Amino acid sequence: MYEFVDQRRIVYITVAIILFISSLIAPTAVFYPIKTVFITPAALYVGTSYLSLITGGIGIALFASGLIALAVFENRLKRYLVSGLLFAFGIVGVALSLADYYYMTEDAFIYNPPLSFSEASYLWEDFEKIEERIGKKDHTTSVESIALYVKNGDSIEMSSGKIFEMSGSLIYKIEQAGGSYERIEAASK
């Protein structure tokens, strides 16, 4: 006749497969838009680091692994312990992804670095200088990284993301507030 198949296991595995696939696209397609919606409407630009995409993808994959653990393990204690740990680490990964952002407003630059839950807000007057590090490759010049130096000794350096789109505005705001701008050329490759 018919064999009894635990439908919960099929649902867990199906949802886990969907989550594994989503772990590749959700950090870009879902998490970034969530950040831009919930960050203040006064933000002129909103950016995130590449690490945000990695931690978000790992977090979703850990959720999927937790569902697989619920479906696979027979021992009740082991099933709930392993899946609970995987879900907890998944929540941390997603939270770290959502907490990784930077943006600028008319008055300040706000930065929440990767792998951190603490936001720092810098008024334009707080910046000492901004540096664009320029590189040449095959007779083409491009900006490789941007470094922001704060008067209190903090520094922020980014080499990818929306920071390149906002660099002109950052330079303008920092120079208008009394900071300096420096362009540093790297050796040719």
Protein backbone atom coordinates (compact mmCIF):
# COMPACT_ATOMS: atom_id res chain seq x y z
CA MET A 1 0.00 0.00 0.00
CA TYR A 2 1.19 3.49 0.88
CA GLU A 3 4.14 4.26 3.08
CA PHE A 4 3.68 6.95 5.67
CA VAL A 5 5.86 9.96 4.89
CA ASP A 6 6.18 12.65 7.51
CA GLN A 7 4.82 15.72 5.73
CA ARG A 8 6.59 18.05 8.13
CA ARG A 9 9.94 16.73 6.94
CA ILE A 10 9.00 17.35 3.33
CA VAL A 11 7.93 20.91 4.19
CA TYR A 12 11.16 21.53 6.17
CA ILE A 13 13.33 20.28 3.32
CA THR A 14 11.35 22.21 0.68
CA VAL A 15 11.59 25.46 2.64
CA ALA A 16 15.29 24.75 3.30
CA ILE A 17 15.96 24.38 -0.43
CA ILE A 18 14.15 27.67 -1.09
CA LEU A 19 16.21 29.34 1.65
CA PHE A 20 19.49 27.94 0.28
CA ILE A 21 18.67 29.44 -3.11
CA SER A 22 17.54 32.68 -1.45
CA SER A 23 20.82 32.93 0.45
CA LEU A 24 22.50 33.80 -2.85
CA ILE A 25 20.15 36.63 -3.83
CA ALA A 26 18.29 37.81 -0.74
CA PRO A 27 21.08 39.95 0.76
CA THR A 28 21.14 42.06 -2.40
CA ALA A 29 17.51 41.82 -3.46
CA VAL A 30 15.88 42.07 -0.01
CA PHE A 31 18.26 43.28 2.71
CA TYR A 32 19.66 46.29 0.85
CA PRO A 33 16.18 47.63 -0.04
CA ILE A 34 15.08 47.10 3.58
CA LYS A 35 17.99 49.27 4.73
CA THR A 36 17.16 52.03 2.29
CA VAL A 37 13.50 52.02 3.36
CA PHE A 38 14.16 52.15 7.11
CA ILE A 39 17.10 54.57 7.07
CA THR A 40 16.05 58.20 7.39
CA PRO A 41 14.48 59.83 4.32
CA ALA A 42 17.08 62.60 4.77
CA ALA A 43 19.78 60.22 3.52
CA LEU A 44 21.26 61.39 0.24
CA TYR A 45 23.09 58.10 -0.40
CA VAL A 46 22.90 54.74 1.35
CA GLY A 47 25.60 52.10 1.04
CA THR A 48 26.66 48.80 2.53
CA SER A 49 29.83 46.71 2.48
CA TYR A 50 30.33 43.48 0.56
CA LEU A 51 30.66 41.74 3.94
CA SER A 52 26.98 42.52 4.54
CA LEU A 53 26.10 40.33 1.58
CA ILE A 54 28.24 37.50 2.91
CA THR A 55 26.91 37.57 6.50
CA GLY A 56 23.32 37.81 5.24
CA GLY A 57 23.78 34.87 2.89
CA ILE A 58 25.42 32.79 5.59
CA GLY A 59 22.62 33.68 8.02
CA ILE A 60 19.94 32.51 5.60
CA ALA A 61 21.93 29.34 4.82
CA LEU A 62 22.13 28.63 8.56
CA PHE A 63 18.34 28.95 8.82
CA ALA A 64 18.06 26.43 5.98
CA SER A 65 20.51 24.12 7.75
CA GLY A 66 18.38 24.36 10.90
CA LEU A 67 15.35 23.19 8.92
CA ILE A 68 17.36 20.29 7.49
CA ALA A 69 18.40 19.37 11.05
CA LEU A 70 14.72 19.36 12.08
CA ALA A 71 13.94 17.02 9.20
CA VAL A 72 16.89 14.66 9.50
CA PHE A 73 17.63 13.99 13.17
CA GLU A 74 15.54 11.32 14.85
CA ASN A 75 16.67 12.02 18.42
CA ARG A 76 14.39 14.77 19.74
CA LEU A 77 17.01 16.43 21.99
CA LYS A 78 19.65 16.41 19.27
CA ARG A 79 17.17 17.67 16.65
CA TYR A 80 16.07 20.69 18.69
CA LEU A 81 19.51 21.47 20.08
CA VAL A 82 21.26 21.48 16.69
CA SER A 83 18.46 23.31 14.89
CA GLY A 84 18.17 25.84 17.73
CA LEU A 85 21.88 26.63 17.51
CA LEU A 86 21.73 26.94 13.73
CA PHE A 87 18.69 29.24 13.96
CA ALA A 88 20.44 31.39 16.60
CA PHE A 89 23.59 31.77 14.48
CA GLY A 90 21.38 32.45 11.45
CA ILE A 91 19.66 35.29 13.32
CA VAL A 92 23.06 36.76 14.20
CA GLY A 93 24.18 36.57 10.55
CA VAL A 94 21.04 38.27 9.27
CA ALA A 95 21.21 40.89 12.04
CA LEU A 96 24.86 41.67 11.21
CA SER A 97 23.91 42.01 7.56
CA LEU A 98 21.07 44.42 8.32
CA ALA A 99 23.25 46.43 10.73
CA ASP A 100 26.05 47.00 8.18
CA TYR A 101 25.45 50.34 6.44
CA TYR A 102 26.64 53.89 5.88
CA TYR A 103 24.89 56.96 4.60
CA MET A 104 25.24 60.69 4.34
CA THR A 105 22.79 63.50 5.01
CA GLU A 106 23.16 67.25 4.56
CA ASP A 107 24.60 67.48 8.10
CA ALA A 108 26.51 64.26 8.79
CA PHE A 109 28.02 60.95 7.71
CA ILE A 110 26.63 57.94 9.59
CA TYR A 111 28.59 54.68 9.64
CA ASN A 112 27.80 51.29 11.15
CA PRO A 113 30.82 49.13 10.26
CA PRO A 114 30.73 45.45 9.27
CA LEU A 115 30.37 42.94 12.11
CA SER A 116 29.19 45.63 14.51
CA PHE A 117 25.95 46.87 16.00
CA SER A 118 27.28 50.31 16.99
CA GLU A 119 26.57 53.30 14.77
CA ALA A 120 28.86 56.33 14.65
CA SER A 121 27.67 59.72 13.47
CA TYR A 122 30.17 62.32 12.29
CA LEU A 123 29.29 65.93 11.53
CA TRP A 124 31.12 67.35 8.52
CA GLU A 125 33.18 69.57 10.82
CA ASP A 126 34.48 66.40 12.55
CA PHE A 127 36.44 65.32 9.47
CA GLU A 128 40.08 66.24 9.14
CA LYS A 129 40.59 64.93 5.61
CA ILE A 130 39.39 62.64 2.86
CA GLU A 131 41.75 60.67 0.62
CA GLU A 132 41.10 59.07 -2.74
CA ARG A 133 43.63 56.37 -3.52
CA ILE A 134 44.11 56.15 -7.25
CA GLY A 135 45.49 53.20 -9.16
CA LYS A 136 46.59 52.76 -12.76
CA LYS A 137 46.19 49.55 -14.66
CA ASP A 138 46.69 49.24 -18.41
CA HIS A 139 46.82 53.03 -18.83
CA THR A 140 43.48 53.44 -17.06
CA THR A 141 43.21 55.47 -13.87
CA SER A 142 40.56 54.58 -11.30
CA VAL A 143 39.78 55.14 -7.64
CA GLU A 144 40.74 52.04 -5.65
CA SER A 145 39.67 53.18 -2.18
CA ILE A 146 38.45 56.14 -0.19
CA ALA A 147 39.65 56.94 3.31
CA LEU A 148 37.96 59.35 5.71
CA TYR A 149 39.96 60.69 8.66
CA VAL A 150 38.17 62.12 11.69
CA LYS A 151 39.75 64.66 14.03
CA ASN A 152 39.29 62.32 17.02
CA GLY A 153 41.64 59.76 15.41
CA ASP A 154 39.03 57.47 13.86
CA SER A 155 39.43 56.48 10.24
CA ILE A 156 37.13 54.80 7.77
CA GLU A 157 38.46 53.15 4.62
CA MET A 158 36.29 51.57 1.95
CA SER A 159 37.28 49.99 -1.33
CA SER A 160 33.92 49.01 -2.81
CA GLY A 161 30.29 49.92 -2.93
CA LYS A 162 28.20 53.06 -3.05
CA ILE A 163 31.05 55.08 -1.49
CA PHE A 164 32.43 55.72 -4.99
CA GLU A 165 29.13 57.27 -6.10
CA MET A 166 29.05 59.52 -3.06
CA SER A 167 32.74 60.47 -3.16
CA GLY A 168 32.15 63.77 -4.96
CA SER A 169 29.54 64.82 -2.42
CA LEU A 170 31.74 63.67 0.47
CA ILE A 171 34.69 65.66 -0.82
CA TYR A 172 32.53 68.74 -1.26
CA LYS A 173 30.95 68.49 2.23
CA ILE A 174 34.27 67.85 3.99
CA GLU A 175 36.06 70.68 2.17
CA GLN A 176 33.17 73.08 2.87
CA ALA A 177 33.46 72.23 6.59
CA GLY A 178 37.20 72.99 6.64
CA GLY A 179 38.64 69.54 5.96
CA SER A 180 41.16 68.74 3.26
CA TYR A 181 41.10 66.52 0.21
CA GLU A 182 44.06 64.52 -1.01
CA ARG A 183 44.48 62.31 -4.04
CA ILE A 184 47.14 59.65 -3.64
CA GLU A 185 48.42 57.78 -6.68
CA ALA A 186 49.62 54.22 -6.27
CA ALA A 187 52.47 52.74 -8.26
CA SER A 188 51.58 51.52 -11.77
CA LYS A 189 50.75 47.88 -12.22
